[in-house]
Amino acid sequence: MADKLSISKERVAELIKEFGKNEQDSGSAAVQVAILSERIRNLTEHLKSHKNDNHTRRGLMMLIGKRRGLLKHIKEEDINAYRELIKKLGIRDNI
């Protein structure tokens, strides 16, 4: 079950290629936000069909908080990069 909720290595490589500076750039904040967003989407879909899965819900809330902190960092560093990133990922600006 954990394999269905996490994302594949291939998908992570795609996200790194799309949002990173190069193919080894897995540590930049933009790449981390993209990977977290993908995991959040997967967990949200899981919770739609498993409403009482509170352990997963807690994990989801922790991921959202982590992504929020990274987005706040990006916004403080470069507001234009922040706006471009949230537009690409399709997430709201609530920071």
PDB file of N, CA and C in Angstrom:
ATOM      1  N   MET A   1       0.818  -1.192   0.000  1.00  0.00           N
ATOM      2  CA  MET A   1       0.000   0.000   0.000  1.00  0.00           C
ATOM      3  C   MET A   1       0.860   1.253   0.000  1.00  0.00           C
ATOM      4  N   ALA A   2       1.996   1.231   0.667  1.00  0.00           N
ATOM      5  CA  ALA A   2       2.852   2.404   0.717  1.00  0.00           C
ATOM      6  C   ALA A   2       3.397   2.749  -0.671  1.00  0.00           C
ATOM      7  N   ASP A   3       3.582   1.729  -1.517  1.00  0.00           N
ATOM      8  CA  ASP A   3       4.094   1.985  -2.854  1.00  0.00           C
ATOM      9  C   ASP A   3       3.106   2.793  -3.689  1.00  0.00           C
ATOM     10  N   LYS A   4       1.826   2.578  -3.485  1.00  0.00           N
ATOM     11  CA  LYS A   4       0.818   3.309  -4.240  1.00  0.00           C
ATOM     12  C   LYS A   4       0.769   4.778  -3.822  1.00  0.00           C
ATOM     13  N   LEU A   5       1.088   5.059  -2.563  1.00  0.00           N
ATOM     14  CA  LEU A   5       0.985   6.424  -2.067  1.00  0.00           C
ATOM     15  C   LEU A   5       2.236   7.250  -2.346  1.00  0.00           C
ATOM     16  N   SER A   6       3.381   6.592  -2.488  1.00  0.00           N
ATOM     17  CA  SER A   6       4.593   7.328  -2.798  1.00  0.00           C
ATOM     18  C   SER A   6       4.708   7.466  -4.314  1.00  0.00           C
ATOM     19  N   ILE A   7       5.705   8.180  -4.752  1.00  0.00           N
ATOM     20  CA  ILE A   7       5.851   8.369  -6.196  1.00  0.00           C
ATOM     21  C   ILE A   7       7.069   7.586  -6.685  1.00  0.00           C
ATOM     22  N   SER A   8       7.044   7.218  -7.943  1.00  0.00           N
ATOM     23  CA  SER A   8       8.088   6.364  -8.510  1.00  0.00           C
ATOM     24  C   SER A   8       9.377   7.159  -8.748  1.00  0.00           C
ATOM     25  N   LYS A   9      10.465   6.432  -8.882  1.00  0.00           N
ATOM     26  CA  LYS A   9      11.750   7.062  -9.147  1.00  0.00           C
ATOM     27  C   LYS A   9      11.731   7.788 -10.488  1.00  0.00           C
ATOM     28  N   GLU A  10      11.009   7.217 -11.449  1.00  0.00           N
ATOM     29  CA  GLU A  10      10.924   7.842 -12.765  1.00  0.00           C
ATOM     30  C   GLU A  10      10.207   9.185 -12.679  1.00  0.00           C
ATOM     31  N   ARG A  11       9.132   9.230 -11.890  1.00  0.00           N
ATOM     32  CA  ARG A  11       8.386  10.484 -11.743  1.00  0.00           C
ATOM     33  C   ARG A  11       9.236  11.538 -11.024  1.00  0.00           C
ATOM     34  N   VAL A  12       9.997  11.107 -10.018  1.00  0.00           N
ATOM     35  CA  VAL A  12      10.892  12.029  -9.321  1.00  0.00           C
ATOM     36  C   VAL A  12      11.933  12.579 -10.293  1.00  0.00           C
ATOM     37  N   ALA A  13      12.477  11.712 -11.156  1.00  0.00           N
ATOM     38  CA  ALA A  13      13.471  12.148 -12.137  1.00  0.00           C
ATOM     39  C   ALA A  13      12.861  13.172 -13.108  1.00  0.00           C
ATOM     40  N   GLU A  14      11.608  12.948 -13.511  1.00  0.00           N
ATOM     41  CA  GLU A  14      10.927  13.907 -14.390  1.00  0.00           C
ATOM     42  C   GLU A  14      10.776  15.258 -13.705  1.00  0.00           C
ATOM     43  N   LEU A  15      10.362  15.234 -12.424  1.00  0.00           N
ATOM     44  CA  LEU A  15      10.176  16.484 -11.691  1.00  0.00           C
ATOM     45  C   LEU A  15      11.499  17.215 -11.507  1.00  0.00           C
ATOM     46  N   ILE A  16      12.578  16.472 -11.251  1.00  0.00           N
ATOM     47  CA  ILE A  16      13.889  17.099 -11.097  1.00  0.00           C
ATOM     48  C   ILE A  16      14.314  17.743 -12.412  1.00  0.00           C
ATOM     49  N   LYS A  17      14.070  17.040 -13.512  1.00  0.00           N
ATOM     50  CA  LYS A  17      14.440  17.576 -14.827  1.00  0.00           C
ATOM     51  C   LYS A  17      13.634  18.839 -15.140  1.00  0.00           C
ATOM     52  N   GLU A  18      12.346  18.836 -14.769  1.00  0.00           N
ATOM     53  CA  GLU A  18      11.476  19.968 -15.094  1.00  0.00           C
ATOM     54  C   GLU A  18      11.737  21.186 -14.209  1.00  0.00           C
ATOM     55  N   PHE A  19      11.932  20.980 -12.914  1.00  0.00           N
ATOM     56  CA  PHE A  19      12.021  22.097 -11.981  1.00  0.00           C
ATOM     57  C   PHE A  19      13.430  22.400 -11.499  1.00  0.00           C
ATOM     58  N   GLY A  20      14.381  21.506 -11.735  1.00  0.00           N
ATOM     59  CA  GLY A  20      15.738  21.709 -11.252  1.00  0.00           C
ATOM     60  C   GLY A  20      16.603  22.460 -12.241  1.00  0.00           C
ATOM     61  N   LYS A  21      17.757  22.875 -11.761  1.00  0.00           N
ATOM     62  CA  LYS A  21      18.706  23.577 -12.622  1.00  0.00           C
ATOM     63  C   LYS A  21      19.399  22.594 -13.562  1.00  0.00           C
ATOM     64  N   ASN A  22      19.651  21.370 -13.065  1.00  0.00           N
ATOM     65  CA  ASN A  22      20.187  20.296 -13.902  1.00  0.00           C
ATOM     66  C   ASN A  22      19.604  18.980 -13.400  1.00  0.00           C
ATOM     67  N   GLU A  23      20.056  17.861 -13.947  1.00  0.00           N
ATOM     68  CA  GLU A  23      19.451  16.567 -13.614  1.00  0.00           C
ATOM     69  C   GLU A  23      19.844  16.032 -12.243  1.00  0.00           C
ATOM     70  N   GLN A  24      20.873  16.611 -11.629  1.00  0.00           N
ATOM     71  CA  GLN A  24      21.279  16.190 -10.291  1.00  0.00           C
ATOM     72  C   GLN A  24      20.773  17.143  -9.203  1.00  0.00           C
ATOM     73  N   ASP A  25      20.018  18.149  -9.576  1.00  0.00           N
ATOM     74  CA  ASP A  25      19.560  19.181  -8.637  1.00  0.00           C
ATOM     75  C   ASP A  25      18.279  18.731  -7.945  1.00  0.00           C
ATOM     76  N   SER A  26      18.426  17.831  -6.974  1.00  0.00           N
ATOM     77  CA  SER A  26      17.239  17.357  -6.256  1.00  0.00           C
ATOM     78  C   SER A  26      17.032  18.109  -4.949  1.00  0.00           C
ATOM     79  N   GLY A  27      17.949  18.999  -4.591  1.00  0.00           N
ATOM     80  CA  GLY A  27      17.871  19.661  -3.297  1.00  0.00           C
ATOM     81  C   GLY A  27      17.315  21.061  -3.322  1.00  0.00           C
ATOM     82  N   SER A  28      17.153  21.650  -4.493  1.00  0.00           N
ATOM     83  CA  SER A  28      16.662  23.025  -4.520  1.00  0.00           C
ATOM     84  C   SER A  28      15.209  23.063  -4.040  1.00  0.00           C
ATOM     85  N   ALA A  29      14.820  24.199  -3.529  1.00  0.00           N
ATOM     86  CA  ALA A  29      13.496  24.332  -2.933  1.00  0.00           C
ATOM     87  C   ALA A  29      12.393  24.089  -3.962  1.00  0.00           C
ATOM     88  N   ALA A  30      12.582  24.541  -5.182  1.00  0.00           N
ATOM     89  CA  ALA A  30      11.557  24.359  -6.211  1.00  0.00           C
ATOM     90  C   ALA A  30      11.326  22.883  -6.507  1.00  0.00           C
ATOM     91  N   VAL A  31      12.389  22.105  -6.582  1.00  0.00           N
ATOM     92  CA  VAL A  31      12.269  20.668  -6.843  1.00  0.00           C
ATOM     93  C   VAL A  31      11.588  19.985  -5.666  1.00  0.00           C
ATOM     94  N   GLN A  32      11.976  20.362  -4.450  1.00  0.00           N
ATOM     95  CA  GLN A  32      11.361  19.765  -3.273  1.00  0.00           C
ATOM     96  C   GLN A  32       9.873  20.073  -3.219  1.00  0.00           C
ATOM     97  N   VAL A  33       9.490  21.307  -3.559  1.00  0.00           N
ATOM     98  CA  VAL A  33       8.074  21.671  -3.575  1.00  0.00           C
ATOM     99  C   VAL A  33       7.324  20.846  -4.617  1.00  0.00           C
ATOM    100  N   ALA A  34       7.919  20.647  -5.783  1.00  0.00           N
ATOM    101  CA  ALA A  34       7.271  19.865  -6.839  1.00  0.00           C
ATOM    102  C   ALA A  34       7.066  18.416  -6.402  1.00  0.00           C
ATOM    103  N   ILE A  35       8.077  17.824  -5.760  1.00  0.00           N
ATOM    104  CA  ILE A  35       7.968  16.437  -5.300  1.00  0.00           C
ATOM    105  C   ILE A  35       6.921  16.333  -4.194  1.00  0.00           C
ATOM    106  N   LEU A  36       6.940  17.277  -3.257  1.00  0.00           N
ATOM    107  CA  LEU A  36       5.938  17.275  -2.180  1.00  0.00           C
ATOM    108  C   LEU A  36       4.530  17.448  -2.746  1.00  0.00           C
ATOM    109  N   SER A  37       4.383  18.290  -3.755  1.00  0.00           N
ATOM    110  CA  SER A  37       3.066  18.501  -4.357  1.00  0.00           C
ATOM    111  C   SER A  37       2.534  17.228  -4.985  1.00  0.00           C
ATOM    112  N   GLU A  38       3.410  16.475  -5.618  1.00  0.00           N
ATOM    113  CA  GLU A  38       3.000  15.202  -6.226  1.00  0.00           C
ATOM    114  C   GLU A  38       2.557  14.220  -5.142  1.00  0.00           C
ATOM    115  N   ARG A  39       3.330  14.141  -4.059  1.00  0.00           N
ATOM    116  CA  ARG A  39       2.953  13.249  -2.954  1.00  0.00           C
ATOM    117  C   ARG A  39       1.640  13.688  -2.315  1.00  0.00           C
ATOM    118  N   ILE A  40       1.438  14.992  -2.181  1.00  0.00           N
ATOM    119  CA  ILE A  40       0.198  15.517  -1.596  1.00  0.00           C
ATOM    120  C   ILE A  40      -0.995  15.148  -2.469  1.00  0.00           C
ATOM    121  N   ARG A  41      -0.825  15.249  -3.784  1.00  0.00           N
ATOM    122  CA  ARG A  41      -1.921  14.867  -4.695  1.00  0.00           C
ATOM    123  C   ARG A  41      -2.277  13.398  -4.529  1.00  0.00           C
ATOM    124  N   ASN A  42      -1.253  12.537  -4.436  1.00  0.00           N
ATOM    125  CA  ASN A  42      -1.505  11.098  -4.276  1.00  0.00           C
ATOM    126  C   ASN A  42      -2.229  10.808  -2.969  1.00  0.00           C
ATOM    127  N   LEU A  43      -1.793  11.432  -1.886  1.00  0.00           N
ATOM    128  CA  LEU A  43      -2.426  11.195  -0.590  1.00  0.00           C
ATOM    129  C   LEU A  43      -3.852  11.738  -0.567  1.00  0.00           C
ATOM    130  N   THR A  44      -4.085  12.853  -1.226  1.00  0.00           N
ATOM    131  CA  THR A  44      -5.430  13.425  -1.281  1.00  0.00           C
ATOM    132  C   THR A  44      -6.383  12.476  -1.999  1.00  0.00           C
ATOM    133  N   GLU A  45      -5.919  11.875  -3.096  1.00  0.00           N
ATOM    134  CA  GLU A  45      -6.747  10.899  -3.810  1.00  0.00           C
ATOM    135  C   GLU A  45      -7.024   9.686  -2.934  1.00  0.00           C
ATOM    136  N   HIS A  46      -6.020   9.238  -2.204  1.00  0.00           N
ATOM    137  CA  HIS A  46      -6.191   8.095  -1.308  1.00  0.00           C
ATOM    138  C   HIS A  46      -7.236   8.408  -0.239  1.00  0.00           C
ATOM    139  N   LEU A  47      -7.178   9.603   0.314  1.00  0.00           N
ATOM    140  CA  LEU A  47      -8.099   9.963   1.400  1.00  0.00           C
ATOM    141  C   LEU A  47      -9.535  10.162   0.918  1.00  0.00           C
ATOM    142  N   LYS A  48      -9.715  10.404  -0.376  1.00  0.00           N
ATOM    143  CA  LYS A  48     -11.083  10.522  -0.895  1.00  0.00           C
ATOM    144  C   LYS A  48     -11.831   9.197  -0.776  1.00  0.00           C
ATOM    145  N   SER A  49     -11.106   8.096  -0.928  1.00  0.00           N
ATOM    146  CA  SER A  49     -11.765   6.799  -0.836  1.00  0.00           C
ATOM    147  C   SER A  49     -11.604   6.137   0.532  1.00  0.00           C
ATOM    148  N   HIS A  50     -10.668   6.614   1.347  1.00  0.00           N
ATOM    149  CA  HIS A  50     -10.443   6.069   2.689  1.00  0.00           C
ATOM    150  C   HIS A  50     -10.574   7.201   3.699  1.00  0.00           C
ATOM    151  N   LYS A  51     -11.790   7.590   3.966  1.00  0.00           N
ATOM    152  CA  LYS A  51     -12.059   8.771   4.784  1.00  0.00           C
ATOM    153  C   LYS A  51     -11.593   8.646   6.232  1.00  0.00           C
ATOM    154  N   ASN A  52     -11.517   7.451   6.771  1.00  0.00           N
ATOM    155  CA  ASN A  52     -11.160   7.271   8.171  1.00  0.00           C
ATOM    156  C   ASN A  52      -9.686   6.965   8.401  1.00  0.00           C
ATOM    157  N   ASP A  53      -8.870   7.112   7.393  1.00  0.00           N
ATOM    158  CA  ASP A  53      -7.439   6.835   7.507  1.00  0.00           C
ATOM    159  C   ASP A  53      -6.739   8.049   8.119  1.00  0.00           C
ATOM    160  N   ASN A  54      -6.788   8.125   9.441  1.00  0.00           N
ATOM    161  CA  ASN A  54      -6.269   9.303  10.124  1.00  0.00           C
ATOM    162  C   ASN A  54      -4.744   9.337  10.172  1.00  0.00           C
ATOM    163  N   HIS A  55      -4.081   8.198  10.106  1.00  0.00           N
ATOM    164  CA  HIS A  55      -2.619   8.187  10.078  1.00  0.00           C
ATOM    165  C   HIS A  55      -2.119   8.845   8.787  1.00  0.00           C
ATOM    166  N   THR A  56      -2.750   8.512   7.683  1.00  0.00           N
ATOM    167  CA  THR A  56      -2.379   9.124   6.414  1.00  0.00           C
ATOM    168  C   THR A  56      -2.729  10.606   6.418  1.00  0.00           C
ATOM    169  N   ARG A  57      -3.851  10.964   7.016  1.00  0.00           N
ATOM    170  CA  ARG A  57      -4.261  12.358   7.083  1.00  0.00           C
ATOM    171  C   ARG A  57      -3.219  13.195   7.838  1.00  0.00           C
ATOM    172  N   ARG A  58      -2.684  12.636   8.929  1.00  0.00           N
ATOM    173  CA  ARG A  58      -1.661  13.339   9.698  1.00  0.00           C
ATOM    174  C   ARG A  58      -0.393  13.519   8.860  1.00  0.00           C
ATOM    175  N   GLY A  59      -0.008  12.473   8.145  1.00  0.00           N
ATOM    176  CA  GLY A  59       1.154  12.566   7.268  1.00  0.00           C
ATOM    177  C   GLY A  59       0.957  13.609   6.192  1.00  0.00           C
ATOM    178  N   LEU A  60      -0.268  13.665   5.655  1.00  0.00           N
ATOM    179  CA  LEU A  60      -0.591  14.665   4.643  1.00  0.00           C
ATOM    180  C   LEU A  60      -0.447  16.073   5.208  1.00  0.00           C
ATOM    181  N   MET A  61      -0.942  16.296   6.411  1.00  0.00           N
ATOM    182  CA  MET A  61      -0.842  17.616   7.028  1.00  0.00           C
ATOM    183  C   MET A  61       0.621  18.004   7.267  1.00  0.00           C
ATOM    184  N   MET A  62       1.446  17.029   7.618  1.00  0.00           N
ATOM    185  CA  MET A  62       2.867  17.310   7.812  1.00  0.00           C
ATOM    186  C   MET A  62       3.539  17.685   6.494  1.00  0.00           C
ATOM    187  N   LEU A  63       3.178  16.998   5.415  1.00  0.00           N
ATOM    188  CA  LEU A  63       3.729  17.327   4.097  1.00  0.00           C
ATOM    189  C   LEU A  63       3.297  18.715   3.656  1.00  0.00           C
ATOM    190  N   ILE A  64       2.038  19.055   3.915  1.00  0.00           N
ATOM    191  CA  ILE A  64       1.537  20.380   3.543  1.00  0.00           C
ATOM    192  C   ILE A  64       2.299  21.464   4.295  1.00  0.00           C
ATOM    193  N   GLY A  65       2.570  21.220   5.571  1.00  0.00           N
ATOM    194  CA  GLY A  65       3.322  22.187   6.357  1.00  0.00           C
ATOM    195  C   GLY A  65       4.747  22.352   5.857  1.00  0.00           C
ATOM    196  N   LYS A  66       5.365  21.239   5.465  1.00  0.00           N
ATOM    197  CA  LYS A  66       6.725  21.290   4.934  1.00  0.00           C
ATOM    198  C   LYS A  66       6.751  22.062   3.617  1.00  0.00           C
ATOM    199  N   ARG A  67       5.771  21.784   2.750  1.00  0.00           N
ATOM    200  CA  ARG A  67       5.704  22.489   1.470  1.00  0.00           C
ATOM    201  C   ARG A  67       5.460  23.978   1.684  1.00  0.00           C
ATOM    202  N   ARG A  68       4.628  24.297   2.668  1.00  0.00           N
ATOM    203  CA  ARG A  68       4.323  25.692   2.961  1.00  0.00           C
ATOM    204  C   ARG A  68       5.582  26.453   3.389  1.00  0.00           C
ATOM    205  N   GLY A  69       6.410  25.809   4.217  1.00  0.00           N
ATOM    206  CA  GLY A  69       7.660  26.437   4.641  1.00  0.00           C
ATOM    207  C   GLY A  69       8.615  26.676   3.482  1.00  0.00           C
ATOM    208  N   LEU A  70       8.713  25.698   2.588  1.00  0.00           N
ATOM    209  CA  LEU A  70       9.575  25.853   1.421  1.00  0.00           C
ATOM    210  C   LEU A  70       9.056  26.954   0.501  1.00  0.00           C
ATOM    211  N   LEU A  71       7.735  27.017   0.320  1.00  0.00           N
ATOM    212  CA  LEU A  71       7.154  28.073  -0.517  1.00  0.00           C
ATOM    213  C   LEU A  71       7.392  29.450   0.096  1.00  0.00           C
ATOM    214  N   LYS A  72       7.315  29.528   1.408  1.00  0.00           N
ATOM    215  CA  LYS A  72       7.571  30.797   2.092  1.00  0.00           C
ATOM    216  C   LYS A  72       9.010  31.240   1.850  1.00  0.00           C
ATOM    217  N   HIS A  73       9.932  30.290   1.901  1.00  0.00           N
ATOM    218  CA  HIS A  73      11.339  30.586   1.644  1.00  0.00           C
ATOM    219  C   HIS A  73      11.532  31.102   0.213  1.00  0.00           C
ATOM    220  N   ILE A  74      10.916  30.421  -0.746  1.00  0.00           N
ATOM    221  CA  ILE A  74      11.041  30.835  -2.148  1.00  0.00           C
ATOM    222  C   ILE A  74      10.450  32.227  -2.337  1.00  0.00           C
ATOM    223  N   LYS A  75       9.319  32.487  -1.699  1.00  0.00           N
ATOM    224  CA  LYS A  75       8.660  33.787  -1.837  1.00  0.00           C
ATOM    225  C   LYS A  75       9.524  34.908  -1.275  1.00  0.00           C
ATOM    226  N   GLU A  76      10.201  34.654  -0.149  1.00  0.00           N
ATOM    227  CA  GLU A  76      11.069  35.669   0.445  1.00  0.00           C
ATOM    228  C   GLU A  76      12.307  35.929  -0.415  1.00  0.00           C
ATOM    229  N   GLU A  77      12.808  34.893  -1.081  1.00  0.00           N
ATOM    230  CA  GLU A  77      14.004  35.039  -1.904  1.00  0.00           C
ATOM    231  C   GLU A  77      13.705  35.728  -3.237  1.00  0.00           C
ATOM    232  N   ASP A  78      12.662  35.246  -3.937  1.00  0.00           N
ATOM    233  CA  ASP A  78      12.377  35.750  -5.286  1.00  0.00           C
ATOM    234  C   ASP A  78      10.882  35.592  -5.563  1.00  0.00           C
ATOM    235  N   ILE A  79      10.152  36.698  -5.493  1.00  0.00           N
ATOM    236  CA  ILE A  79       8.689  36.659  -5.636  1.00  0.00           C
ATOM    237  C   ILE A  79       8.274  36.198  -7.034  1.00  0.00           C
ATOM    238  N   ASN A  80       9.045  36.557  -8.058  1.00  0.00           N
ATOM    239  CA  ASN A  80       8.687  36.153  -9.425  1.00  0.00           C
ATOM    240  C   ASN A  80       8.852  34.645  -9.620  1.00  0.00           C
ATOM    241  N   ALA A  81       9.919  34.082  -9.064  1.00  0.00           N
ATOM    242  CA  ALA A  81      10.116  32.628  -9.143  1.00  0.00           C
ATOM    243  C   ALA A  81       8.995  31.906  -8.398  1.00  0.00           C
ATOM    244  N   TYR A  82       8.571  32.470  -7.272  1.00  0.00           N
ATOM    245  CA  TYR A  82       7.472  31.899  -6.484  1.00  0.00           C
ATOM    246  C   TYR A  82       6.185  31.881  -7.302  1.00  0.00           C
ATOM    247  N   ARG A  83       5.859  32.997  -7.919  1.00  0.00           N
ATOM    248  CA  ARG A  83       4.627  33.077  -8.720  1.00  0.00           C
ATOM    249  C   ARG A  83       4.655  32.115  -9.888  1.00  0.00           C
ATOM    250  N   GLU A  84       5.810  32.006 -10.526  1.00  0.00           N
ATOM    251  CA  GLU A  84       5.936  31.079 -11.660  1.00  0.00           C
ATOM    252  C   GLU A  84       5.780  29.630 -11.201  1.00  0.00           C
ATOM    253  N   LEU A  85       6.362  29.300 -10.044  1.00  0.00           N
ATOM    254  CA  LEU A  85       6.302  27.934  -9.528  1.00  0.00           C
ATOM    255  C   LEU A  85       4.876  27.533  -9.165  1.00  0.00           C
ATOM    256  N   ILE A  86       4.153  28.396  -8.451  1.00  0.00           N
ATOM    257  CA  ILE A  86       2.788  28.012  -8.062  1.00  0.00           C
ATOM    258  C   ILE A  86       1.869  27.958  -9.272  1.00  0.00           C
ATOM    259  N   LYS A  87       2.173  28.762 -10.285  1.00  0.00           N
ATOM    260  CA  LYS A  87       1.374  28.697 -11.513  1.00  0.00           C
ATOM    261  C   LYS A  87       1.610  27.367 -12.235  1.00  0.00           C
ATOM    262  N   LYS A  88       2.881  26.941 -12.306  1.00  0.00           N
ATOM    263  CA  LYS A  88       3.225  25.671 -12.947  1.00  0.00           C
ATOM    264  C   LYS A  88       2.602  24.484 -12.226  1.00  0.00           C
ATOM    265  N   LEU A  89       2.629  24.544 -10.880  1.00  0.00           N
ATOM    266  CA  LEU A  89       2.126  23.421 -10.084  1.00  0.00           C
ATOM    267  C   LEU A  89       0.605  23.460  -9.895  1.00  0.00           C
ATOM    268  N   GLY A  90       0.006  24.596 -10.171  1.00  0.00           N
ATOM    269  CA  GLY A  90      -1.451  24.711 -10.022  1.00  0.00           C
ATOM    270  C   GLY A  90      -1.897  24.745  -8.578  1.00  0.00           C
ATOM    271  N   ILE A  91      -1.127  25.408  -7.716  1.00  0.00           N
ATOM    272  CA  ILE A  91      -1.524  25.531  -6.319  1.00  0.00           C
ATOM    273  C   ILE A  91      -1.824  26.984  -6.010  1.00  0.00           C
ATOM    274  N   ARG A  92      -2.601  27.200  -4.953  1.00  0.00           N
ATOM    275  CA  ARG A  92      -3.037  28.555  -4.603  1.00  0.00           C
ATOM    276  C   ARG A  92      -1.940  29.326  -3.869  1.00  0.00           C
ATOM    277  N   ASP A  93      -2.051  30.634  -3.964  1.00  0.00           N
ATOM    278  CA  ASP A  93      -1.137  31.522  -3.237  1.00  0.00           C
ATOM    279  C   ASP A  93      -1.796  31.883  -1.917  1.00  0.00           C
ATOM    280  N   ASN A  94      -1.442  31.172  -0.852  1.00  0.00           N
ATOM    281  CA  ASN A  94      -2.054  31.453   0.440  1.00  0.00           C
ATOM    282  C   ASN A  94      -0.999  31.701   1.509  1.00  0.00           C
ATOM    283  N   ILE A  95       0.165  32.167   1.088  1.00  0.00           N
ATOM    284  CA  ILE A  95       1.240  32.446   2.044  1.00  0.00           C
ATOM    285  C   ILE A  95       1.395  33.942   2.164  1.00  0.00           C
TER     286      ILE A  95
END
